[in-house]
Amino acid sequence: MVRTPLTPEERERGERLGLLLREARGSRSMTEVAAGAGLSAETLRKIETGRAPTPAFFTVAALAGELGLSMDDLLGRCAPPPGGAIAA
């Protein structure tokens, strides 16, 4: 199976998600948060660094729950604004 290459917008969205998750994790260790969400620390590391820019919905939902984030907040902060312009 060949995977379709990601668009620049998808990569940028993945980077924003990773940054948001790192900020929400704060001083908690990656291992602690990953275990609480039922993930491996390596999976969380890949998401936070943008190496896995399109994680599965349930993975994101588990991380959001562990970090006390709402899915609405994640969507609002990770999706590009109307008109497609990305804020720095």
PDB file of N, CA and C in Angstrom:
ATOM      1  N   MET A   1       0.838  -1.177   0.000  1.00  0.00           N
ATOM      2  CA  MET A   1       0.000   0.000   0.000  1.00  0.00           C
ATOM      3  C   MET A   1       0.886   1.245   0.000  1.00  0.00           C
ATOM      4  N   VAL A   2       0.614   2.132  -0.900  1.00  0.00           N
ATOM      5  CA  VAL A   2       1.376   3.376  -1.014  1.00  0.00           C
ATOM      6  C   VAL A   2       0.566   4.482  -0.359  1.00  0.00           C
ATOM      7  N   ARG A   3       1.213   5.214   0.524  1.00  0.00           N
ATOM      8  CA  ARG A   3       0.547   6.313   1.212  1.00  0.00           C
ATOM      9  C   ARG A   3       0.715   7.598   0.421  1.00  0.00           C
ATOM     10  N   THR A   4      -0.358   8.358   0.291  1.00  0.00           N
ATOM     11  CA  THR A   4      -0.327   9.636  -0.402  1.00  0.00           C
ATOM     12  C   THR A   4       0.541  10.611   0.385  1.00  0.00           C
ATOM     13  N   PRO A   5       1.449  11.305  -0.292  1.00  0.00           N
ATOM     14  CA  PRO A   5       2.286  12.287   0.419  1.00  0.00           C
ATOM     15  C   PRO A   5       1.435  13.363   1.081  1.00  0.00           C
ATOM     16  N   LEU A   6       1.904  13.835   2.218  1.00  0.00           N
ATOM     17  CA  LEU A   6       1.192  14.878   2.947  1.00  0.00           C
ATOM     18  C   LEU A   6       1.398  16.229   2.276  1.00  0.00           C
ATOM     19  N   THR A   7       0.381  17.052   2.372  1.00  0.00           N
ATOM     20  CA  THR A   7       0.487  18.411   1.844  1.00  0.00           C
ATOM     21  C   THR A   7       1.236  19.272   2.864  1.00  0.00           C
ATOM     22  N   PRO A   8       1.750  20.403   2.432  1.00  0.00           N
ATOM     23  CA  PRO A   8       2.395  21.309   3.388  1.00  0.00           C
ATOM     24  C   PRO A   8       1.442  21.722   4.516  1.00  0.00           C
ATOM     25  N   GLU A   9       0.163  21.896   4.195  1.00  0.00           N
ATOM     26  CA  GLU A   9      -0.819  22.273   5.216  1.00  0.00           C
ATOM     27  C   GLU A   9      -0.977  21.175   6.262  1.00  0.00           C
ATOM     28  N   GLU A  10      -0.991  19.914   5.816  1.00  0.00           N
ATOM     29  CA  GLU A  10      -1.098  18.801   6.758  1.00  0.00           C
ATOM     30  C   GLU A  10       0.132  18.732   7.666  1.00  0.00           C
ATOM     31  N   ARG A  11       1.290  18.981   7.096  1.00  0.00           N
ATOM     32  CA  ARG A  11       2.518  18.990   7.908  1.00  0.00           C
ATOM     33  C   ARG A  11       2.493  20.119   8.935  1.00  0.00           C
ATOM     34  N   GLU A  12       2.045  21.306   8.511  1.00  0.00           N
ATOM     35  CA  GLU A  12       1.963  22.453   9.431  1.00  0.00           C
ATOM     36  C   GLU A  12       0.957  22.188  10.548  1.00  0.00           C
ATOM     37  N   ARG A  13      -0.179  21.577  10.207  1.00  0.00           N
ATOM     38  CA  ARG A  13      -1.179  21.239  11.214  1.00  0.00           C
ATOM     39  C   ARG A  13      -0.594  20.244  12.224  1.00  0.00           C
ATOM     40  N   GLY A  14       0.181  19.271  11.740  1.00  0.00           N
ATOM     41  CA  GLY A  14       0.828  18.316  12.630  1.00  0.00           C
ATOM     42  C   GLY A  14       1.832  18.978  13.554  1.00  0.00           C
ATOM     43  N   GLU A  15       2.553  19.961  13.038  1.00  0.00           N
ATOM     44  CA  GLU A  15       3.510  20.695  13.864  1.00  0.00           C
ATOM     45  C   GLU A  15       2.789  21.507  14.935  1.00  0.00           C
ATOM     46  N   ARG A  16       1.653  22.126  14.567  1.00  0.00           N
ATOM     47  CA  ARG A  16       0.876  22.884  15.556  1.00  0.00           C
ATOM     48  C   ARG A  16       0.323  21.960  16.630  1.00  0.00           C
ATOM     49  N   LEU A  17      -0.151  20.777  16.229  1.00  0.00           N
ATOM     50  CA  LEU A  17      -0.646  19.807  17.204  1.00  0.00           C
ATOM     51  C   LEU A  17       0.471  19.390  18.155  1.00  0.00           C
ATOM     52  N   GLY A  18       1.636  19.091  17.619  1.00  0.00           N
ATOM     53  CA  GLY A  18       2.763  18.695  18.458  1.00  0.00           C
ATOM     54  C   GLY A  18       3.146  19.769  19.460  1.00  0.00           C
ATOM     55  N   LEU A  19       3.186  21.007  19.016  1.00  0.00           N
ATOM     56  CA  LEU A  19       3.520  22.126  19.904  1.00  0.00           C
ATOM     57  C   LEU A  19       2.474  22.274  21.003  1.00  0.00           C
ATOM     58  N   LEU A  20       1.220  22.189  20.627  1.00  0.00           N
ATOM     59  CA  LEU A  20       0.138  22.303  21.602  1.00  0.00           C
ATOM     60  C   LEU A  20       0.223  21.191  22.654  1.00  0.00           C
ATOM     61  N   LEU A  21       0.485  19.981  22.215  1.00  0.00           N
ATOM     62  CA  LEU A  21       0.598  18.864  23.158  1.00  0.00           C
ATOM     63  C   LEU A  21       1.802  19.034  24.084  1.00  0.00           C
ATOM     64  N   ARG A  22       2.929  19.483  23.545  1.00  0.00           N
ATOM     65  CA  ARG A  22       4.117  19.727  24.380  1.00  0.00           C
ATOM     66  C   ARG A  22       3.822  20.788  25.430  1.00  0.00           C
ATOM     67  N   GLU A  23       3.158  21.868  25.010  1.00  0.00           N
ATOM     68  CA  GLU A  23       2.824  22.938  25.958  1.00  0.00           C
ATOM     69  C   GLU A  23       1.870  22.430  27.036  1.00  0.00           C
ATOM     70  N   ALA A  24       0.879  21.652  26.638  1.00  0.00           N
ATOM     71  CA  ALA A  24      -0.102  21.131  27.598  1.00  0.00           C
ATOM     72  C   ALA A  24       0.535  20.117  28.552  1.00  0.00           C
ATOM     73  N   ARG A  25       1.529  19.403  28.085  1.00  0.00           N
ATOM     74  CA  ARG A  25       2.211  18.416  28.927  1.00  0.00           C
ATOM     75  C   ARG A  25       2.984  19.105  30.045  1.00  0.00           C
ATOM     76  N   GLY A  26       3.469  20.308  29.781  1.00  0.00           N
ATOM     77  CA  GLY A  26       4.192  21.076  30.795  1.00  0.00           C
ATOM     78  C   GLY A  26       5.387  20.324  31.344  1.00  0.00           C
ATOM     79  N   SER A  27       5.442  20.199  32.667  1.00  0.00           N
ATOM     80  CA  SER A  27       6.591  19.542  33.302  1.00  0.00           C
ATOM     81  C   SER A  27       6.409  18.032  33.440  1.00  0.00           C
ATOM     82  N   ARG A  28       5.255  17.526  33.034  1.00  0.00           N
ATOM     83  CA  ARG A  28       5.038  16.078  33.095  1.00  0.00           C
ATOM     84  C   ARG A  28       5.944  15.381  32.085  1.00  0.00           C
ATOM     85  N   SER A  29       6.411  14.212  32.430  1.00  0.00           N
ATOM     86  CA  SER A  29       7.291  13.495  31.511  1.00  0.00           C
ATOM     87  C   SER A  29       6.493  12.915  30.353  1.00  0.00           C
ATOM     88  N   MET A  30       7.176  12.744  29.243  1.00  0.00           N
ATOM     89  CA  MET A  30       6.571  12.149  28.070  1.00  0.00           C
ATOM     90  C   MET A  30       6.082  10.734  28.389  1.00  0.00           C
ATOM     91  N   THR A  31       6.864   9.998  29.159  1.00  0.00           N
ATOM     92  CA  THR A  31       6.508   8.629  29.535  1.00  0.00           C
ATOM     93  C   THR A  31       5.228   8.601  30.359  1.00  0.00           C
ATOM     94  N   GLU A  32       5.100   9.516  31.310  1.00  0.00           N
ATOM     95  CA  GLU A  32       3.910   9.585  32.166  1.00  0.00           C
ATOM     96  C   GLU A  32       2.652   9.879  31.351  1.00  0.00           C
ATOM     97  N   VAL A  33       2.732  10.870  30.476  1.00  0.00           N
ATOM     98  CA  VAL A  33       1.572  11.252  29.669  1.00  0.00           C
ATOM     99  C   VAL A  33       1.210  10.138  28.688  1.00  0.00           C
ATOM    100  N   ALA A  34       2.206   9.569  28.037  1.00  0.00           N
ATOM    101  CA  ALA A  34       1.945   8.492  27.082  1.00  0.00           C
ATOM    102  C   ALA A  34       1.286   7.302  27.772  1.00  0.00           C
ATOM    103  N   ALA A  35       1.808   6.906  28.915  1.00  0.00           N
ATOM    104  CA  ALA A  35       1.227   5.775  29.650  1.00  0.00           C
ATOM    105  C   ALA A  35      -0.207   6.074  30.071  1.00  0.00           C
ATOM    106  N   GLY A  36      -0.465   7.282  30.521  1.00  0.00           N
ATOM    107  CA  GLY A  36      -1.812   7.667  30.920  1.00  0.00           C
ATOM    108  C   GLY A  36      -2.799   7.642  29.764  1.00  0.00           C
ATOM    109  N   ALA A  37      -2.293   7.870  28.560  1.00  0.00           N
ATOM    110  CA  ALA A  37      -3.146   7.870  27.371  1.00  0.00           C
ATOM    111  C   ALA A  37      -3.182   6.500  26.695  1.00  0.00           C
ATOM    112  N   GLY A  38      -2.406   5.555  27.238  1.00  0.00           N
ATOM    113  CA  GLY A  38      -2.380   4.215  26.647  1.00  0.00           C
ATOM    114  C   GLY A  38      -1.539   4.119  25.387  1.00  0.00           C
ATOM    115  N   LEU A  39      -0.524   4.969  25.287  1.00  0.00           N
ATOM    116  CA  LEU A  39       0.360   5.002  24.121  1.00  0.00           C
ATOM    117  C   LEU A  39       1.791   4.729  24.540  1.00  0.00           C
ATOM    118  N   SER A  40       2.633   4.463  23.563  1.00  0.00           N
ATOM    119  CA  SER A  40       4.058   4.366  23.858  1.00  0.00           C
ATOM    120  C   SER A  40       4.651   5.774  23.877  1.00  0.00           C
ATOM    121  N   ALA A  41       5.730   5.923  24.614  1.00  0.00           N
ATOM    122  CA  ALA A  41       6.416   7.215  24.645  1.00  0.00           C
ATOM    123  C   ALA A  41       6.937   7.571  23.256  1.00  0.00           C
ATOM    124  N   GLU A  42       7.327   6.566  22.479  1.00  0.00           N
ATOM    125  CA  GLU A  42       7.826   6.824  21.124  1.00  0.00           C
ATOM    126  C   GLU A  42       6.725   7.398  20.232  1.00  0.00           C
ATOM    127  N   THR A  43       5.501   6.909  20.377  1.00  0.00           N
ATOM    128  CA  THR A  43       4.385   7.456  19.598  1.00  0.00           C
ATOM    129  C   THR A  43       4.163   8.917  19.958  1.00  0.00           C
ATOM    130  N   LEU A  44       4.152   9.226  21.244  1.00  0.00           N
ATOM    131  CA  LEU A  44       3.984  10.616  21.666  1.00  0.00           C
ATOM    132  C   LEU A  44       5.142  11.473  21.166  1.00  0.00           C
ATOM    133  N   ARG A  45       6.344  10.954  21.223  1.00  0.00           N
ATOM    134  CA  ARG A  45       7.516  11.698  20.740  1.00  0.00           C
ATOM    135  C   ARG A  45       7.359  12.034  19.254  1.00  0.00           C
ATOM    136  N   LYS A  46       6.909  11.068  18.465  1.00  0.00           N
ATOM    137  CA  LYS A  46       6.727  11.305  17.028  1.00  0.00           C
ATOM    138  C   LYS A  46       5.655  12.361  16.767  1.00  0.00           C
ATOM    139  N   ILE A  47       4.582  12.329  17.541  1.00  0.00           N
ATOM    140  CA  ILE A  47       3.517  13.327  17.361  1.00  0.00           C
ATOM    141  C   ILE A  47       4.029  14.705  17.761  1.00  0.00           C
ATOM    142  N   GLU A  48       4.686  14.795  18.904  1.00  0.00           N
ATOM    143  CA  GLU A  48       5.166  16.096  19.386  1.00  0.00           C
ATOM    144  C   GLU A  48       6.208  16.717  18.470  1.00  0.00           C
ATOM    145  N   THR A  49       7.007  15.886  17.805  1.00  0.00           N
ATOM    146  CA  THR A  49       8.060  16.418  16.939  1.00  0.00           C
ATOM    147  C   THR A  49       7.610  16.588  15.493  1.00  0.00           C
ATOM    148  N   GLY A  50       6.363  16.214  15.202  1.00  0.00           N
ATOM    149  CA  GLY A  50       5.859  16.363  13.845  1.00  0.00           C
ATOM    150  C   GLY A  50       6.225  15.218  12.919  1.00  0.00           C
ATOM    151  N   ARG A  51       6.897  14.194  13.430  1.00  0.00           N
ATOM    152  CA  ARG A  51       7.249  13.044  12.588  1.00  0.00           C
ATOM    153  C   ARG A  51       6.033  12.166  12.313  1.00  0.00           C
ATOM    154  N   ALA A  52       4.970  12.324  13.097  1.00  0.00           N
ATOM    155  CA  ALA A  52       3.684  11.643  12.860  1.00  0.00           C
ATOM    156  C   ALA A  52       2.620  12.741  12.820  1.00  0.00           C
ATOM    157  N   PRO A  53       2.557  13.486  11.711  1.00  0.00           N
ATOM    158  CA  PRO A  53       1.695  14.667  11.658  1.00  0.00           C
ATOM    159  C   PRO A  53       0.201  14.371  11.534  1.00  0.00           C
ATOM    160  N   THR A  54      -0.171  13.126  11.264  1.00  0.00           N
ATOM    161  CA  THR A  54      -1.588  12.793  11.127  1.00  0.00           C
ATOM    162  C   THR A  54      -1.935  11.593  12.004  1.00  0.00           C
ATOM    163  N   PRO A  55      -1.853  11.755  13.324  1.00  0.00           N
ATOM    164  CA  PRO A  55      -2.178  10.632  14.207  1.00  0.00           C
ATOM    165  C   PRO A  55      -3.655  10.278  14.133  1.00  0.00           C
ATOM    166  N   ALA A  56      -3.970   9.048  14.499  1.00  0.00           N
ATOM    167  CA  ALA A  56      -5.357   8.582  14.473  1.00  0.00           C
ATOM    168  C   ALA A  56      -6.211   9.399  15.442  1.00  0.00           C
ATOM    169  N   PHE A  57      -7.485   9.520  15.112  1.00  0.00           N
ATOM    170  CA  PHE A  57      -8.423  10.276  15.939  1.00  0.00           C
ATOM    171  C   PHE A  57      -8.393   9.804  17.388  1.00  0.00           C
ATOM    172  N   PHE A  58      -8.470   8.497  17.602  1.00  0.00           N
ATOM    173  CA  PHE A  58      -8.541   7.984  18.963  1.00  0.00           C
ATOM    174  C   PHE A  58      -7.235   8.208  19.727  1.00  0.00           C
ATOM    175  N   THR A  59      -6.132   8.302  19.027  1.00  0.00           N
ATOM    176  CA  THR A  59      -4.859   8.636  19.661  1.00  0.00           C
ATOM    177  C   THR A  59      -4.906  10.074  20.163  1.00  0.00           C
ATOM    178  N   VAL A  60      -5.377  10.967  19.315  1.00  0.00           N
ATOM    179  CA  VAL A  60      -5.491  12.379  19.700  1.00  0.00           C
ATOM    180  C   VAL A  60      -6.496  12.533  20.839  1.00  0.00           C
ATOM    181  N   ALA A  61      -7.616  11.813  20.758  1.00  0.00           N
ATOM    182  CA  ALA A  61      -8.631  11.888  21.811  1.00  0.00           C
ATOM    183  C   ALA A  61      -8.071  11.401  23.144  1.00  0.00           C
ATOM    184  N   ALA A  62      -7.287  10.328  23.135  1.00  0.00           N
ATOM    185  CA  ALA A  62      -6.691   9.808  24.369  1.00  0.00           C
ATOM    186  C   ALA A  62      -5.714  10.819  24.961  1.00  0.00           C
ATOM    187  N   LEU A  63      -4.899  11.438  24.126  1.00  0.00           N
ATOM    188  CA  LEU A  63      -3.957  12.446  24.603  1.00  0.00           C
ATOM    189  C   LEU A  63      -4.690  13.671  25.136  1.00  0.00           C
ATOM    190  N   ALA A  64      -5.719  14.099  24.432  1.00  0.00           N
ATOM    191  CA  ALA A  64      -6.503  15.254  24.884  1.00  0.00           C
ATOM    192  C   ALA A  64      -7.094  14.975  26.262  1.00  0.00           C
ATOM    193  N   GLY A  65      -7.652  13.782  26.444  1.00  0.00           N
ATOM    194  CA  GLY A  65      -8.227  13.426  27.737  1.00  0.00           C
ATOM    195  C   GLY A  65      -7.191  13.414  28.843  1.00  0.00           C
ATOM    196  N   GLU A  66      -6.030  12.861  28.563  1.00  0.00           N
ATOM    197  CA  GLU A  66      -4.959  12.797  29.561  1.00  0.00           C
ATOM    198  C   GLU A  66      -4.444  14.183  29.919  1.00  0.00           C
ATOM    199  N   LEU A  67      -4.456  15.086  28.956  1.00  0.00           N
ATOM    200  CA  LEU A  67      -3.907  16.428  29.169  1.00  0.00           C
ATOM    201  C   LEU A  67      -4.972  17.453  29.556  1.00  0.00           C
ATOM    202  N   GLY A  68      -6.220  17.022  29.636  1.00  0.00           N
ATOM    203  CA  GLY A  68      -7.290  17.940  30.024  1.00  0.00           C
ATOM    204  C   GLY A  68      -7.654  18.945  28.949  1.00  0.00           C
ATOM    205  N   LEU A  69      -7.465  18.573  27.703  1.00  0.00           N
ATOM    206  CA  LEU A  69      -7.809  19.439  26.575  1.00  0.00           C
ATOM    207  C   LEU A  69      -9.104  18.957  25.948  1.00  0.00           C
ATOM    208  N   SER A  70      -9.911  19.869  25.464  1.00  0.00           N
ATOM    209  CA  SER A  70     -11.118  19.463  24.748  1.00  0.00           C
ATOM    210  C   SER A  70     -10.771  19.280  23.270  1.00  0.00           C
ATOM    211  N   MET A  71     -11.507  18.406  22.628  1.00  0.00           N
ATOM    212  CA  MET A  71     -11.293  18.198  21.201  1.00  0.00           C
ATOM    213  C   MET A  71     -11.633  19.477  20.431  1.00  0.00           C
ATOM    214  N   ASP A  72     -12.618  20.232  20.901  1.00  0.00           N
ATOM    215  CA  ASP A  72     -12.958  21.499  20.251  1.00  0.00           C
ATOM    216  C   ASP A  72     -11.787  22.478  20.312  1.00  0.00           C
ATOM    217  N   ASP A  73     -11.119  22.517  21.476  1.00  0.00           N
ATOM    218  CA  ASP A  73      -9.966  23.403  21.619  1.00  0.00           C
ATOM    219  C   ASP A  73      -8.837  22.969  20.691  1.00  0.00           C
ATOM    220  N   LEU A  74      -8.583  21.662  20.638  1.00  0.00           N
ATOM    221  CA  LEU A  74      -7.542  21.167  19.733  1.00  0.00           C
ATOM    222  C   LEU A  74      -7.849  21.535  18.293  1.00  0.00           C
ATOM    223  N   LEU A  75      -9.084  21.326  17.882  1.00  0.00           N
ATOM    224  CA  LEU A  75      -9.463  21.647  16.515  1.00  0.00           C
ATOM    225  C   LEU A  75      -9.283  23.133  16.240  1.00  0.00           C
ATOM    226  N   GLY A  76      -9.758  23.944  17.162  1.00  0.00           N
ATOM    227  CA  GLY A  76      -9.653  25.390  16.977  1.00  0.00           C
ATOM    228  C   GLY A  76      -8.228  25.890  16.908  1.00  0.00           C
ATOM    229  N   ARG A  77      -7.345  25.248  17.647  1.00  0.00           N
ATOM    230  CA  ARG A  77      -5.959  25.714  17.683  1.00  0.00           C
ATOM    231  C   ARG A  77      -5.063  25.062  16.638  1.00  0.00           C
ATOM    232  N   CYS A  78      -5.506  23.948  16.047  1.00  0.00           N
ATOM    233  CA  CYS A  78      -4.676  23.253  15.065  1.00  0.00           C
ATOM    234  C   CYS A  78      -5.128  23.466  13.627  1.00  0.00           C
ATOM    235  N   ALA A  79      -6.397  23.712  13.429  1.00  0.00           N
ATOM    236  CA  ALA A  79      -6.909  23.908  12.070  1.00  0.00           C
ATOM    237  C   ALA A  79      -6.489  25.271  11.557  1.00  0.00           C
ATOM    238  N   PRO A  80      -6.271  25.370  10.253  1.00  0.00           N
ATOM    239  CA  PRO A  80      -5.920  26.687   9.711  1.00  0.00           C
ATOM    240  C   PRO A  80      -7.118  27.627   9.823  1.00  0.00           C
ATOM    241  N   PRO A  81      -6.865  28.899  10.002  1.00  0.00           N
ATOM    242  CA  PRO A  81      -7.963  29.866  10.103  1.00  0.00           C
ATOM    243  C   PRO A  81      -8.702  29.968   8.770  1.00  0.00           C
ATOM    244  N   PRO A  82      -9.938  30.481   8.814  1.00  0.00           N
ATOM    245  CA  PRO A  82     -10.680  30.675   7.554  1.00  0.00           C
ATOM    246  C   PRO A  82      -9.853  31.489   6.565  1.00  0.00           C
ATOM    247  N   GLY A  83      -9.867  31.074   5.342  1.00  0.00           N
ATOM    248  CA  GLY A  83      -9.069  31.755   4.314  1.00  0.00           C
ATOM    249  C   GLY A  83      -7.741  31.080   4.079  1.00  0.00           C
ATOM    250  N   GLY A  84      -7.389  30.120   4.954  1.00  0.00           N
ATOM    251  CA  GLY A  84      -6.195  29.317   4.755  1.00  0.00           C
ATOM    252  C   GLY A  84      -4.890  29.927   5.212  1.00  0.00           C
ATOM    253  N   ALA A  85      -4.881  31.174   5.651  1.00  0.00           N
ATOM    254  CA  ALA A  85      -3.638  31.785   6.094  1.00  0.00           C
ATOM    255  C   ALA A  85      -3.236  31.209   7.440  1.00  0.00           C
ATOM    256  N   ILE A  86      -1.996  30.850   7.579  1.00  0.00           N
ATOM    257  CA  ILE A  86      -1.479  30.278   8.809  1.00  0.00           C
ATOM    258  C   ILE A  86      -0.788  31.372   9.625  1.00  0.00           C
ATOM    259  N   ALA A  87      -1.234  31.536  10.860  1.00  0.00           N
ATOM    260  CA  ALA A  87      -0.609  32.526  11.747  1.00  0.00           C
ATOM    261  C   ALA A  87       0.682  31.964  12.313  1.00  0.00           C
ATOM    262  N   ALA A  88       1.675  32.793  12.466  1.00  0.00           N
ATOM    263  CA  ALA A  88       2.963  32.337  12.998  1.00  0.00           C
ATOM    264  C   ALA A  88       2.929  32.255  14.499  1.00  0.00           C
TER     265      ALA A  88
END
